[in-house]
C-alpha atoms as a PDB file:
ATOM      1  CA  MET A   1     114.368  30.602-140.034  1.00  0.00           C
ATOM      2  CA  MET A   2     115.436  35.049-140.281  1.00  0.00           C
ATOM      3  CA  GLY A   3     111.076  35.245-140.736  1.00  0.00           C
ATOM      4  CA  ARG A   4     110.960  35.946-143.501  1.00  0.00           C
ATOM      5  CA  LEU A   5     108.254  33.261-144.129  1.00  0.00           C
ATOM      6  CA  GLY A   6     107.922  33.686-147.455  1.00  0.00           C
ATOM      7  CA  ASP A   7     110.053  32.523-148.391  1.00  0.00           C
ATOM      8  CA  ARG A   8     110.348  29.379-151.480  1.00  0.00           C
ATOM      9  CA  ILE A   9     112.455  27.523-152.617  1.00  0.00           C
ATOM     10  CA  PRO A  10     113.231  28.364-156.268  1.00  0.00           C
ATOM     11  CA  THR A  11     111.446  25.069-158.628  1.00  0.00           C
ATOM     12  CA  GLU A  12     112.644  25.643-162.467  1.00  0.00           C
ATOM     13  CA  GLY A  13     109.801  22.901-163.245  1.00  0.00           C
ATOM     14  CA  ARG A  14     112.217  19.913-163.424  1.00  0.00           C
ATOM     15  CA  GLN A  15     110.690  16.384-162.774  1.00  0.00           C
ATOM     16  CA  ASN A  16     113.379  15.420-160.689  1.00  0.00           C
ATOM     17  CA  GLU A  17     113.622  13.473-157.254  1.00  0.00           C
ATOM     18  CA  LEU A  18     115.646  17.689-156.264  1.00  0.00           C
ATOM     19  CA  GLU A  19     112.882  19.120-157.838  1.00  0.00           C
ATOM     20  CA  ARG A  20     110.091  16.803-156.224  1.00  0.00           C
ATOM     21  CA  LEU A  21     111.491  17.857-153.121  1.00  0.00           C
ATOM     22  CA  GLY A  22     111.701  21.433-153.001  1.00  0.00           C
ATOM     23  CA  SER A  23     108.174  21.441-154.173  1.00  0.00           C
ATOM     24  CA  ALA A  24     107.262  19.624-151.693  1.00  0.00           C
ATOM     25  CA  ILE A  25     109.308  21.512-149.578  1.00  0.00           C
ATOM     26  CA  ASN A  26     107.112  24.721-150.543  1.00  0.00           C
ATOM     27  CA  ALA A  27     103.772  22.960-150.324  1.00  0.00           C
ATOM     28  CA  MET A  28     105.252  22.428-145.648  1.00  0.00           C
ATOM     29  CA  LEU A  29     106.413  25.865-145.944  1.00  0.00           C
ATOM     30  CA  ASP A  30     102.651  26.980-147.538  1.00  0.00           C
ATOM     31  CA  ARG A  31     101.195  25.974-144.979  1.00  0.00           C
ATOM     32  CA  ASN A  32     103.136  26.812-141.910  1.00  0.00           C
ATOM     33  CA  GLN A  33     102.744  30.497-143.518  1.00  0.00           C
ATOM     34  CA  THR A  34      99.081  30.103-143.630  1.00  0.00           C
ATOM     35  CA  LEU A  35      98.682  28.806-139.649  1.00  0.00           C
ATOM     36  CA  MET A  36     100.687  31.732-137.998  1.00  0.00           C
ATOM     37  CA  GLU A  37      99.233  34.071-140.153  1.00  0.00           C
ATOM     38  CA  SER A  38      95.706  32.885-139.000  1.00  0.00           C
ATOM     39  CA  LEU A  39      97.193  33.212-135.355  1.00  0.00           C
ATOM     40  CA  LYS A  40      99.100  36.485-136.514  1.00  0.00           C
ATOM     41  CA  GLN A  41      95.316  37.922-136.795  1.00  0.00           C
ATOM     42  CA  VAL A  42      92.455  35.701-133.984  1.00  0.00           C
ATOM     43  CA  SER A  43      94.949  37.907-131.625  1.00  0.00           C
ATOM     44  CA  THR A  44      95.195  41.341-133.645  1.00  0.00           C
ATOM     45  CA  ASP A  45      90.545  40.854-133.782  1.00  0.00           C
ATOM     46  CA  ILE A  46      91.154  39.656-130.370  1.00  0.00           C
ATOM     47  CA  ALA A  47      93.678  42.335-129.423  1.00  0.00           C
ATOM     48  CA  HIS A  48      91.517  45.576-130.934  1.00  0.00           C
ATOM     49  CA  ASP A  49      87.797  44.497-131.409  1.00  0.00           C
ATOM     50  CA  LEU A  50      87.504  42.287-128.039  1.00  0.00           C
ATOM     51  CA  ARG A  51      89.009  45.818-126.849  1.00  0.00           C
ATOM     52  CA  THR A  52      85.069  47.931-126.071  1.00  0.00           C
ATOM     53  CA  PRO A  53      82.736  44.810-125.025  1.00  0.00           C
ATOM     54  CA  LEU A  54      85.312  44.389-122.211  1.00  0.00           C
ATOM     55  CA  THR A  55      85.450  48.931-121.650  1.00  0.00           C
ATOM     56  CA  HIS A  56      81.798  48.811-121.301  1.00  0.00           C
ATOM     57  CA  LEU A  57      81.727  45.759-119.044  1.00  0.00           C
ATOM     58  CA  ARG A  58      84.253  47.509-117.172  1.00  0.00           C
ATOM     59  CA  HIS A  59      82.174  50.658-116.732  1.00  0.00           C
ATOM     60  CA  ARG A  60      79.705  49.191-116.484  1.00  0.00           C
ATOM     61  CA  LEU A  61      80.721  46.619-113.214  1.00  0.00           C
ATOM     62  CA  GLU A  62      82.601  50.767-112.188  1.00  0.00           C
ATOM     63  CA  ARG A  63      78.770  52.535-112.233  1.00  0.00           C
ATOM     64  CA  ALA A  64      77.558  49.477-110.285  1.00  0.00           C
ATOM     65  CA  ARG A  65      80.127  50.125-107.620  1.00  0.00           C
ATOM     66  CA  SER A  66      79.471  53.956-107.355  1.00  0.00           C
ATOM     67  CA  ASP A  67      75.564  53.942-107.547  1.00  0.00           C
ATOM     68  CA  ALA A  68      73.898  50.664-106.533  1.00  0.00           C
ATOM     69  CA  VAL A  69      72.160  51.537-102.739  1.00  0.00           C
ATOM     70  CA  THR A  70      69.679  48.333-102.896  1.00  0.00           C
ATOM     71  CA  THR A  71      70.123  44.677-103.465  1.00  0.00           C
ATOM     72  CA  GLU A  72      67.995  44.647-106.376  1.00  0.00           C
ATOM     73  CA  ASP A  73      70.222  47.670-108.175  1.00  0.00           C
ATOM     74  CA  TYR A  74      73.488  45.788-107.493  1.00  0.00           C
ATOM     75  CA  ALA A  75      71.414  41.600-108.342  1.00  0.00           C
ATOM     76  CA  GLY A  76      70.899  44.030-111.375  1.00  0.00           C
ATOM     77  CA  ALA A  77      74.041  44.802-112.690  1.00  0.00           C
ATOM     78  CA  VAL A  78      75.581  42.011-111.538  1.00  0.00           C
ATOM     79  CA  GLU A  79      73.103  40.018-114.155  1.00  0.00           C
ATOM     80  CA  ALA A  80      73.782  42.297-116.553  1.00  0.00           C
ATOM     81  CA  ALA A  81      77.550  41.885-115.865  1.00  0.00           C
ATOM     82  CA  ILE A  82      77.242  37.695-116.728  1.00  0.00           C
ATOM     83  CA  ALA A  83      75.538  38.730-120.099  1.00  0.00           C
ATOM     84  CA  ASP A  84      78.697  40.865-120.894  1.00  0.00           C
ATOM     85  CA  CYS A  85      80.688  38.213-120.056  1.00  0.00           C
ATOM     86  CA  ASP A  86      78.599  35.520-122.291  1.00  0.00           C
ATOM     87  CA  GLN A  87      78.623  37.651-125.036  1.00  0.00           C
ATOM     88  CA  LEU A  88      82.334  38.036-125.039  1.00  0.00           C
ATOM     89  CA  LEU A  89      83.385  34.221-124.523  1.00  0.00           C
ATOM     90  CA  THR A  90      80.300  33.826-127.679  1.00  0.00           C
ATOM     91  CA  ILE A  91      82.932  35.696-129.590  1.00  0.00           C
ATOM     92  CA  PHE A  92      85.948  34.228-128.504  1.00  0.00           C
ATOM     93  CA  THR A  93      85.173  30.621-129.520  1.00  0.00           C
ATOM     94  CA  ALA A  94      83.527  31.709-133.048  1.00  0.00           C
ATOM     95  CA  LEU A  95      87.500  33.059-133.668  1.00  0.00           C
ATOM     96  CA  LEU A  96      89.111  30.207-132.508  1.00  0.00           C
ATOM     97  CA  ARG A  97      86.593  28.268-134.329  1.00  0.00           C
ATOM     98  CA  ILE A  98      87.314  30.368-137.460  1.00  0.00           C
ATOM     99  CA  ALA A  99      90.914  30.265-136.904  1.00  0.00           C
ATOM    100  CA  GLN A 100      91.089  26.680-136.959  1.00  0.00           C
ATOM    101  CA  ILE A 101      88.918  26.242-139.986  1.00  0.00           C
ATOM    102  CA  GLU A 102      90.869  28.530-141.688  1.00  0.00           C
ATOM    103  CA  ALA A 103      94.247  26.454-140.967  1.00  0.00           C
ATOM    104  CA  GLY A 104      91.833  23.475-142.288  1.00  0.00           C
ATOM    105  CA  ALA A 105      92.235  21.324-138.929  1.00  0.00           C
ATOM    106  CA  ARG A 106      89.143  20.042-140.022  1.00  0.00           C
ATOM    107  CA  ARG A 107      89.709  18.296-143.892  1.00  0.00           C
ATOM    108  CA  ALA A 108      90.260  15.275-141.708  1.00  0.00           C
ATOM    109  CA  GLU A 109      87.393  14.552-140.895  1.00  0.00           C
ATOM    110  CA  PHE A 110      85.807  15.232-144.932  1.00  0.00           C
ATOM    111  CA  ARG A 111      83.406  12.391-146.221  1.00  0.00           C
ATOM    112  CA  GLU A 112      80.598  12.168-148.971  1.00  0.00           C
ATOM    113  CA  VAL A 113      77.593  14.098-147.704  1.00  0.00           C
ATOM    114  CA  ALA A 114      74.554  14.367-149.781  1.00  0.00           C
ATOM    115  CA  LEU A 115      73.382  18.061-150.343  1.00  0.00           C
ATOM    116  CA  ASP A 116      69.951  16.917-150.737  1.00  0.00           C
ATOM    117  CA  GLU A 117      69.422  14.492-146.901  1.00  0.00           C
ATOM    118  CA  LEU A 118      71.647  17.620-145.738  1.00  0.00           C
ATOM    119  CA  VAL A 119      68.950  20.867-146.409  1.00  0.00           C
ATOM    120  CA  GLU A 120      65.919  17.716-145.047  1.00  0.00           C
ATOM    121  CA  ARG A 121      67.334  17.658-141.666  1.00  0.00           C
ATOM    122  CA  VAL A 122      67.967  21.335-141.845  1.00  0.00           C
ATOM    123  CA  ARG A 123      64.384  22.288-142.063  1.00  0.00           C
ATOM    124  CA  ASP A 124      63.357  19.558-138.892  1.00  0.00           C
ATOM    125  CA  ILE A 125      65.259  21.296-136.096  1.00  0.00           C
ATOM    126  CA  TYR A 126      65.247  24.937-138.280  1.00  0.00           C
ATOM    127  CA  LYS A 127      61.376  25.351-139.359  1.00  0.00           C
ATOM    128  CA  PRO A 128      59.827  24.864-135.908  1.00  0.00           C
ATOM    129  CA  VAL A 129      62.168  28.019-135.105  1.00  0.00           C
ATOM    130  CA  MET A 130      61.660  30.438-137.583  1.00  0.00           C
ATOM    131  CA  ASP A 131      58.091  29.607-136.835  1.00  0.00           C
ATOM    132  CA  ASP A 132      57.818  30.795-133.658  1.00  0.00           C
ATOM    133  CA  THR A 133      59.714  33.853-134.663  1.00  0.00           C
ATOM    134  CA  ARG A 134      57.681  34.558-137.794  1.00  0.00           C
ATOM    135  CA  HIS A 135      59.591  33.790-140.674  1.00  0.00           C
ATOM    136  CA  PRO A 136      57.982  30.920-142.354  1.00  0.00           C
ATOM    137  CA  LEU A 137      60.965  28.218-144.238  1.00  0.00           C
ATOM    138  CA  GLU A 138      60.483  26.582-147.693  1.00  0.00           C
ATOM    139  CA  VAL A 139      62.801  23.722-148.528  1.00  0.00           C
ATOM    140  CA  ARG A 140      63.623  22.569-151.949  1.00  0.00           C
ATOM    141  CA  ALA A 141      65.975  20.030-152.104  1.00  0.00           C
ATOM    142  CA  GLY A 142      67.683  19.738-155.761  1.00  0.00           C
ATOM    143  CA  ALA A 143      68.729  16.419-157.670  1.00  0.00           C
ATOM    144  CA  HIS A 144      71.410  14.124-155.475  1.00  0.00           C
ATOM    145  CA  MET A 145      74.815  14.977-155.883  1.00  0.00           C
ATOM    146  CA  PRO A 146      77.661  14.175-152.844  1.00  0.00           C
ATOM    147  CA  VAL A 147      79.710  16.567-152.284  1.00  0.00           C
ATOM    148  CA  ARG A 148      83.258  16.202-150.435  1.00  0.00           C
ATOM    149  CA  GLY A 149      82.101  18.011-147.128  1.00  0.00           C
ATOM    150  CA  ASP A 150      83.075  18.039-143.063  1.00  0.00           C
ATOM    151  CA  PRO A 151      79.267  17.269-142.670  1.00  0.00           C
ATOM    152  CA  GLN A 152      79.166  19.274-138.965  1.00  0.00           C
ATOM    153  CA  LEU A 153      81.067  22.360-140.743  1.00  0.00           C
ATOM    154  CA  LEU A 154      77.649  22.387-143.349  1.00  0.00           C
ATOM    155  CA  MET A 155      75.625  22.394-141.311  1.00  0.00           C
ATOM    156  CA  GLN A 156      76.960  24.999-139.375  1.00  0.00           C
ATOM    157  CA  LEU A 157      76.687  27.122-142.340  1.00  0.00           C
ATOM    158  CA  ILE A 158      72.772  26.219-143.238  1.00  0.00           C
ATOM    159  CA  SER A 159      72.497  27.850-140.264  1.00  0.00           C
ATOM    160  CA  ASN A 160      74.916  30.840-140.095  1.00  0.00           C
ATOM    161  CA  LEU A 161      72.568  31.688-143.523  1.00  0.00           C
ATOM    162  CA  LEU A 162      69.908  30.873-141.249  1.00  0.00           C
ATOM    163  CA  GLU A 163      70.554  33.006-138.170  1.00  0.00           C
ATOM    164  CA  ASN A 164      70.885  36.168-140.547  1.00  0.00           C
ATOM    165  CA  ALA A 165      67.096  35.636-141.979  1.00  0.00           C
ATOM    166  CA  ILE A 166      65.644  35.324-138.617  1.00  0.00           C
ATOM    167  CA  HIS A 167      67.884  38.123-137.504  1.00  0.00           C
ATOM    168  CA  HIS A 168      68.000  40.517-140.309  1.00  0.00           C
ATOM    169  CA  THR A 169      64.034  40.124-141.832  1.00  0.00           C
ATOM    170  CA  PRO A 170      61.367  41.428-140.363  1.00  0.00           C
ATOM    171  CA  GLU A 171      58.192  39.298-139.096  1.00  0.00           C
ATOM    172  CA  GLY A 172      56.811  37.267-141.576  1.00  0.00           C
ATOM    173  CA  THR A 173      59.564  37.056-144.345  1.00  0.00           C
ATOM    174  CA  PRO A 174      59.198  33.967-145.709  1.00  0.00           C
ATOM    175  CA  THR A 175      63.068  31.909-146.603  1.00  0.00           C
ATOM    176  CA  VAL A 176      63.791  29.440-149.057  1.00  0.00           C
ATOM    177  CA  LEU A 177      67.018  26.945-148.271  1.00  0.00           C
ATOM    178  CA  GLU A 178      67.659  25.659-151.456  1.00  0.00           C
ATOM    179  CA  SER A 179      70.474  22.673-152.852  1.00  0.00           C
ATOM    180  CA  GLY A 180      70.708  21.358-156.103  1.00  0.00           C
ATOM    181  CA  ILE A 181      73.140  21.087-159.455  1.00  0.00           C
ATOM    182  CA  GLN A 182      73.769  24.641-161.114  1.00  0.00           C
ATOM    183  CA  ASP A 183      76.146  24.552-164.358  1.00  0.00           C
ATOM    184  CA  GLY A 184      77.626  20.873-163.864  1.00  0.00           C
ATOM    185  CA  ARG A 185      78.227  21.914-159.553  1.00  0.00           C
ATOM    186  CA  PRO A 186      75.811  21.471-156.279  1.00  0.00           C
ATOM    187  CA  PHE A 187      75.261  24.020-154.608  1.00  0.00           C
ATOM    188  CA  LEU A 188      73.180  25.522-151.555  1.00  0.00           C
ATOM    189  CA  ALA A 189      71.129  28.788-150.611  1.00  0.00           C
ATOM    190  CA  VAL A 190      70.035  30.723-148.692  1.00  0.00           C
ATOM    191  CA  ALA A 191      67.434  33.598-149.624  1.00  0.00           C
ATOM    192  CA  ASP A 192      65.397  35.918-148.202  1.00  0.00           C
ATOM    193  CA  ARG A 193      62.534  38.202-149.039  1.00  0.00           C
ATOM    194  CA  GLY A 194      63.976  41.043-146.246  1.00  0.00           C
ATOM    195  CA  PRO A 195      66.452  44.599-146.908  1.00  0.00           C
ATOM    196  CA  GLY A 196      69.717  43.061-148.560  1.00  0.00           C
ATOM    197  CA  ILE A 197      72.980  44.064-148.477  1.00  0.00           C
ATOM    198  CA  PRO A 198      74.026  47.069-151.110  1.00  0.00           C
ATOM    199  CA  GLN A 199      76.618  45.829-153.382  1.00  0.00           C
ATOM    200  CA  ALA A 200      78.698  47.946-151.624  1.00  0.00           C
ATOM    201  CA  ASP A 201      78.826  46.605-148.379  1.00  0.00           C
ATOM    202  CA  ARG A 202      78.893  42.666-149.554  1.00  0.00           C
ATOM    203  CA  ALA A 203      82.477  42.582-149.653  1.00  0.00           C
ATOM    204  CA  ASN A 204      82.114  43.767-146.258  1.00  0.00           C
ATOM    205  CA  VAL A 205      79.772  41.909-144.142  1.00  0.00           C
ATOM    206  CA  LEU A 206      82.100  38.285-144.791  1.00  0.00           C
ATOM    207  CA  LYS A 207      84.979  40.398-143.126  1.00  0.00           C
ATOM    208  CA  ARG A 208      85.077  39.231-139.160  1.00  0.00           C
ATOM    209  CA  PHE A 209      83.597  42.029-136.647  1.00  0.00           C
ATOM    210  CA  PHE A 210      81.661  44.629-139.598  1.00  0.00           C
ATOM    211  CA  ARG A 211      78.499  45.447-138.911  1.00  0.00           C
ATOM    212  CA  ARG A 212      76.178  47.320-141.290  1.00  0.00           C
ATOM    213  CA  GLU A 213      74.332  50.763-139.713  1.00  0.00           C
ATOM    214  CA  GLN A 214      71.055  48.987-139.617  1.00  0.00           C
ATOM    215  CA  SER A 215      71.831  45.830-138.220  1.00  0.00           C
ATOM    216  CA  ARG A 216      74.199  48.016-134.660  1.00  0.00           C
ATOM    217  CA  THR A 217      70.465  47.504-132.488  1.00  0.00           C
ATOM    218  CA  THR A 218      70.444  43.485-133.519  1.00  0.00           C
ATOM    219  CA  PRO A 219      71.915  41.433-130.827  1.00  0.00           C
ATOM    220  CA  GLY A 220      75.013  39.917-132.586  1.00  0.00           C
ATOM    221  CA  SER A 221      78.803  40.389-132.899  1.00  0.00           C
ATOM    222  CA  GLY A 222      79.495  40.440-136.592  1.00  0.00           C
ATOM    223  CA  LEU A 223      80.872  37.090-137.289  1.00  0.00           C
ATOM    224  CA  GLY A 224      78.571  34.915-139.007  1.00  0.00           C
ATOM    225  CA  LEU A 225      79.591  35.813-142.522  1.00  0.00           C
ATOM    226  CA  SER A 226      83.027  35.378-142.064  1.00  0.00           C
ATOM    227  CA  LEU A 227      81.948  31.898-140.456  1.00  0.00           C
ATOM    228  CA  VAL A 228      80.546  30.953-143.804  1.00  0.00           C
ATOM    229  CA  ALA A 229      83.168  32.728-145.370  1.00  0.00           C
ATOM    230  CA  ALA A 230      85.756  30.031-143.578  1.00  0.00           C
ATOM    231  CA  ILE A 231      83.685  27.336-143.520  1.00  0.00           C
ATOM    232  CA  ALA A 232      82.973  27.264-147.777  1.00  0.00           C
ATOM    233  CA  ASP A 233      87.199  28.423-148.329  1.00  0.00           C
ATOM    234  CA  VAL A 234      87.942  25.545-146.136  1.00  0.00           C
ATOM    235  CA  HIS A 235      85.427  23.001-148.495  1.00  0.00           C
ATOM    236  CA  ASN A 236      87.109  24.795-151.563  1.00  0.00           C
ATOM    237  CA  ALA A 237      83.744  26.643-152.758  1.00  0.00           C
ATOM    238  CA  THR A 238      82.969  29.484-153.679  1.00  0.00           C
ATOM    239  CA  LEU A 239      80.331  32.243-151.545  1.00  0.00           C
ATOM    240  CA  GLU A 240      78.313  34.825-153.887  1.00  0.00           C
ATOM    241  CA  LEU A 241      76.391  37.219-152.297  1.00  0.00           C
ATOM    242  CA  ALA A 242      73.356  38.779-154.728  1.00  0.00           C
ATOM    243  CA  ASP A 243      70.574  40.371-155.036  1.00  0.00           C
ATOM    244  CA  ASN A 244      67.661  38.400-154.512  1.00  0.00           C
ATOM    245  CA  ASN A 245      64.907  41.299-155.528  1.00  0.00           C
ATOM    246  CA  PRO A 246      64.066  41.692-152.834  1.00  0.00           C
ATOM    247  CA  GLY A 247      66.775  40.855-150.507  1.00  0.00           C
ATOM    248  CA  LEU A 248      69.837  39.171-149.607  1.00  0.00           C
ATOM    249  CA  ARG A 249      70.340  35.530-151.713  1.00  0.00           C
ATOM    250  CA  ALA A 250      73.887  33.538-150.570  1.00  0.00           C
ATOM    251  CA  VAL A 251      74.617  30.718-152.297  1.00  0.00           C
ATOM    252  CA  VAL A 252      77.740  28.394-151.323  1.00  0.00           C
ATOM    253  CA  THR A 253      79.187  26.332-155.071  1.00  0.00           C
ATOM    254  CA  PHE A 254      81.049  23.324-154.883  1.00  0.00           C
ATOM    255  CA  PHE A 255      83.934  22.705-157.467  1.00  0.00           C
END
């Protein structure tokens, strides 16, 4: 009640009714703290990281007001402003989706999902897109082993990793989407033969809005891998970014 959200009821490990009640209340407090911290993080991200694009939009409109003299000038300024607004709305949507996933709101929709069938569906959707962008896609659907999860979120996870490969590798770079079992654990993996990510940046690219210097000239908001990490976490899975020699291999392992 005093705002110390980390306080908990002390328990001593006794298996009586009061101890079980205390443990249940502590679990509820853990959940409340997670929700509050997620909301606070979203607010902080919006306050800090949307200031730059909003300032850019304002300057663009100010230039149009002072410099535009023809109908074409005004039309071009309006089109550019609409594009900026669309980008801002995309960022807002991604941030709120990450917060929702981190809060575990989608766990109620978990069911058995066959990873091999999932990657086959992704192939049907994404192969034409990747062929058009000259990024050959190979799919290796391994053994049939269902996991508990949200199929839409897992589809989003794979889509983000494939989009990452499209945007950050040169034309002609092959990409492999794979599912299977390794060390008794089901996994999903997306591997490419592009420039990869240096070891020093692999933790940072999972943070919201982080963009490496080489990526600042390409479209994006720096939220794609953050969303992948949030989806993996809500599925109690691990996300590893490894060297593909050359390229990047992103592996999601389920437990």
